[in-house]
Structures are given as structure tokens and as C-alpha cells.
């Protein structure tokens, strides 16, 4: 198979981890300065937590798939 047998699991791990960390950091440490007038001052907490949990589930699932 092109680029290895576990390519899909590695991609899901990368995307899930990025989704988890990115949304969690958006809630914990919002940007100090807004770049544009339309930027929010802080991230929507409920949506960011839900998306962070989705990323965590995807990352854990990918790790479990890689370890079996």
C-alpha cells in the first residue's frame, strides 16, 4: 500500500490530536490581540469543548488501532 499499511490511522491520529490541542488551547489561552474587527475576543466555550472531545476520541481510537 502507498505510504504504509497504517496511513489512515496515522492521519486520524494527527488530525484528532490537532483538533484536541487546538480547541483546548483556544479556550485556555485566547489570543491577546485581535487581528481584525470581526475576530472574537474569546472562543465559544461549549463548541470548543465539544470539538476538543471529538478530537480526543479520534486520537484515542487511532492509537488503539495502531497498537492492535
N, C-alpha and C. Protein backbone atom coordinates (compact mmCIF):
# COMPACT_ATOMS: atom_id res chain seq x y z
N UNK A 1 0.84 -1.19 0.00
CA UNK A 1 0.00 0.00 0.00
C UNK A 1 0.88 1.25 0.00
N UNK A 2 0.42 2.28 -0.66
CA UNK A 2 1.14 3.53 -0.77
C UNK A 2 1.30 4.19 0.59
N UNK A 3 2.51 4.51 1.00
CA UNK A 3 2.86 5.17 2.26
C UNK A 3 2.56 4.33 3.50
N UNK A 4 2.47 3.03 3.37
CA UNK A 4 2.34 2.17 4.54
C UNK A 4 0.95 1.62 4.75
N UNK A 5 0.90 0.61 5.59
CA UNK A 5 -0.37 -0.06 5.86
C UNK A 5 -1.28 0.74 6.80
N UNK A 6 -0.70 1.55 7.66
CA UNK A 6 -1.49 2.26 8.68
C UNK A 6 -1.61 3.75 8.40
N UNK A 7 -1.61 4.13 7.15
CA UNK A 7 -1.65 5.55 6.80
C UNK A 7 -2.90 6.23 7.35
N UNK A 8 -4.05 5.61 7.21
CA UNK A 8 -5.29 6.22 7.68
C UNK A 8 -5.28 6.42 9.18
N UNK A 9 -4.79 5.46 9.92
CA UNK A 9 -4.72 5.59 11.38
C UNK A 9 -3.78 6.72 11.79
N UNK A 10 -2.64 6.84 11.10
CA UNK A 10 -1.71 7.93 11.41
C UNK A 10 -2.32 9.29 11.10
N UNK A 11 -3.05 9.38 10.00
CA UNK A 11 -3.70 10.65 9.65
C UNK A 11 -4.80 11.01 10.65
N UNK A 12 -5.57 10.04 11.09
CA UNK A 12 -6.61 10.30 12.08
C UNK A 12 -5.98 10.71 13.41
N UNK A 13 -4.85 10.08 13.77
CA UNK A 13 -4.15 10.47 14.98
C UNK A 13 -3.67 11.92 14.89
N UNK A 14 -3.09 12.30 13.78
CA UNK A 14 -2.59 13.67 13.61
C UNK A 14 -3.73 14.69 13.64
N UNK A 15 -4.79 14.42 12.91
CA UNK A 15 -5.91 15.37 12.87
C UNK A 15 -6.66 15.42 14.20
N UNK A 16 -6.86 14.28 14.83
CA UNK A 16 -7.53 14.25 16.12
C UNK A 16 -6.72 14.97 17.19
N UNK A 17 -5.41 14.74 17.19
CA UNK A 17 -4.56 15.42 18.16
C UNK A 17 -4.55 16.92 17.95
N UNK A 18 -4.48 17.35 16.70
CA UNK A 18 -4.51 18.78 16.40
C UNK A 18 -5.85 19.41 16.79
N UNK A 19 -6.92 18.70 16.54
CA UNK A 19 -8.24 19.19 16.90
C UNK A 19 -8.38 19.32 18.41
N UNK A 20 -7.88 18.33 19.13
CA UNK A 20 -7.94 18.35 20.59
C UNK A 20 -7.12 19.50 21.16
N UNK A 21 -5.86 19.58 20.78
CA UNK A 21 -4.96 20.59 21.35
C UNK A 21 -5.37 22.00 20.93
N UNK A 22 -5.71 22.17 19.67
CA UNK A 22 -6.07 23.50 19.18
C UNK A 22 -7.30 24.08 19.86
N UNK A 23 -8.34 23.29 19.99
CA UNK A 23 -9.55 23.80 20.64
C UNK A 23 -9.36 23.99 22.13
N UNK A 24 -8.61 23.11 22.76
CA UNK A 24 -8.36 23.26 24.20
C UNK A 24 -7.55 24.52 24.47
N UNK A 25 -6.54 24.78 23.67
CA UNK A 25 -5.73 25.99 23.85
C UNK A 25 -6.51 27.26 23.52
N UNK A 26 -7.46 27.18 22.60
CA UNK A 26 -8.29 28.35 22.29
C UNK A 26 -9.14 28.75 23.49
N UNK A 27 -9.55 27.78 24.30
CA UNK A 27 -10.34 28.08 25.49
C UNK A 27 -9.44 28.53 26.63
N UNK A 28 -8.31 27.85 26.81
CA UNK A 28 -7.43 28.15 27.94
C UNK A 28 -6.71 29.48 27.76
N UNK A 29 -6.15 29.71 26.57
CA UNK A 29 -5.35 30.91 26.34
C UNK A 29 -5.77 31.58 25.04
N UNK A 30 -6.78 32.45 25.09
CA UNK A 30 -7.19 33.14 23.87
C UNK A 30 -6.12 34.13 23.42
N UNK A 31 -6.14 34.54 22.16
CA UNK A 31 -5.14 35.49 21.67
C UNK A 31 -5.23 36.83 22.40
N UNK A 32 -4.10 37.47 22.58
CA UNK A 32 -4.05 38.75 23.28
C UNK A 32 -4.62 39.89 22.43
N UNK A 33 -4.32 39.87 21.15
CA UNK A 33 -4.72 40.96 20.26
C UNK A 33 -5.55 40.40 19.11
N UNK A 34 -6.67 41.05 18.82
CA UNK A 34 -7.49 40.65 17.68
C UNK A 34 -6.85 41.17 16.40
N UNK A 35 -6.79 40.33 15.37
CA UNK A 35 -6.17 40.73 14.11
C UNK A 35 -7.11 41.57 13.26
N UNK A 36 -8.40 41.30 13.37
CA UNK A 36 -9.37 42.04 12.56
C UNK A 36 -10.56 42.40 13.44
N UNK A 37 -11.40 43.28 12.93
CA UNK A 37 -12.56 43.71 13.70
C UNK A 37 -13.57 42.59 13.89
N UNK A 38 -13.56 41.62 12.99
CA UNK A 38 -14.54 40.54 13.06
C UNK A 38 -14.10 39.38 13.95
N UNK A 39 -12.86 39.40 14.47
CA UNK A 39 -12.37 38.33 15.34
C UNK A 39 -13.09 38.37 16.69
N UNK A 40 -13.33 37.21 17.24
CA UNK A 40 -13.94 37.11 18.56
C UNK A 40 -12.89 37.39 19.63
N UNK A 41 -13.33 37.90 20.79
CA UNK A 41 -12.40 38.15 21.88
C UNK A 41 -12.00 36.86 22.57
N UNK A 42 -12.92 35.89 22.61
CA UNK A 42 -12.60 34.56 23.15
C UNK A 42 -13.39 33.52 22.38
N UNK A 43 -12.93 32.29 22.44
CA UNK A 43 -13.56 31.20 21.70
C UNK A 43 -14.88 30.81 22.37
N UNK A 44 -15.87 30.37 21.58
CA UNK A 44 -17.10 29.84 22.17
C UNK A 44 -16.77 28.57 22.97
N UNK A 45 -17.02 28.61 24.27
CA UNK A 45 -16.54 27.56 25.17
C UNK A 45 -17.21 26.22 24.89
N UNK A 46 -18.52 26.18 24.78
CA UNK A 46 -19.22 24.91 24.61
C UNK A 46 -18.80 24.22 23.30
N UNK A 47 -18.76 24.97 22.23
CA UNK A 47 -18.38 24.39 20.93
C UNK A 47 -16.93 23.93 20.95
N UNK A 48 -16.06 24.69 21.57
CA UNK A 48 -14.64 24.32 21.62
C UNK A 48 -14.43 23.07 22.46
N UNK A 49 -15.14 22.94 23.55
CA UNK A 49 -15.01 21.74 24.39
C UNK A 49 -15.53 20.51 23.65
N UNK A 50 -16.67 20.64 22.97
CA UNK A 50 -17.22 19.51 22.21
C UNK A 50 -16.27 19.09 21.10
N UNK A 51 -15.72 20.05 20.37
CA UNK A 51 -14.80 19.72 19.29
C UNK A 51 -13.49 19.14 19.84
N UNK A 52 -13.08 19.60 21.01
CA UNK A 52 -11.89 19.05 21.65
C UNK A 52 -12.13 17.59 22.04
N UNK A 53 -13.30 17.29 22.55
CA UNK A 53 -13.63 15.90 22.90
C UNK A 53 -13.71 15.01 21.66
N UNK A 54 -14.21 15.55 20.56
CA UNK A 54 -14.25 14.79 19.31
C UNK A 54 -12.82 14.47 18.86
N UNK A 55 -11.93 15.43 18.96
CA UNK A 55 -10.54 15.21 18.61
C UNK A 55 -9.88 14.19 19.52
N UNK A 56 -10.19 14.24 20.81
CA UNK A 56 -9.63 13.27 21.76
C UNK A 56 -10.10 11.86 21.43
N UNK A 57 -11.38 11.71 21.13
CA UNK A 57 -11.91 10.38 20.79
C UNK A 57 -11.23 9.86 19.52
N UNK A 58 -11.06 10.72 18.53
CA UNK A 58 -10.41 10.29 17.29
C UNK A 58 -8.96 9.89 17.54
N UNK A 59 -8.26 10.65 18.35
CA UNK A 59 -6.85 10.33 18.63
C UNK A 59 -6.72 9.03 19.42
N UNK A 60 -7.58 8.83 20.40
CA UNK A 60 -7.53 7.59 21.19
C UNK A 60 -7.88 6.40 20.32
N UNK A 61 -8.87 6.55 19.46
CA UNK A 61 -9.26 5.48 18.56
C UNK A 61 -8.11 5.13 17.61
N UNK A 62 -7.42 6.15 17.10
CA UNK A 62 -6.29 5.90 16.20
C UNK A 62 -5.15 5.20 16.91
N UNK A 63 -4.86 5.59 18.16
CA UNK A 63 -3.81 4.92 18.92
C UNK A 63 -4.18 3.46 19.17
N UNK A 64 -5.45 3.23 19.50
CA UNK A 64 -5.90 1.85 19.72
C UNK A 64 -5.78 1.03 18.43
N UNK A 65 -6.08 1.63 17.30
CA UNK A 65 -5.95 0.93 16.02
C UNK A 65 -4.49 0.63 15.68
N UNK A 66 -3.60 1.54 16.03
CA UNK A 66 -2.18 1.32 15.74
C UNK A 66 -1.56 0.28 16.67
N UNK A 67 -2.07 0.15 17.88
CA UNK A 67 -1.49 -0.77 18.84
C UNK A 67 -1.96 -2.20 18.70
N UNK A 68 -3.05 -2.43 17.99
CA UNK A 68 -3.54 -3.80 17.88
C UNK A 68 -2.88 -4.59 16.80
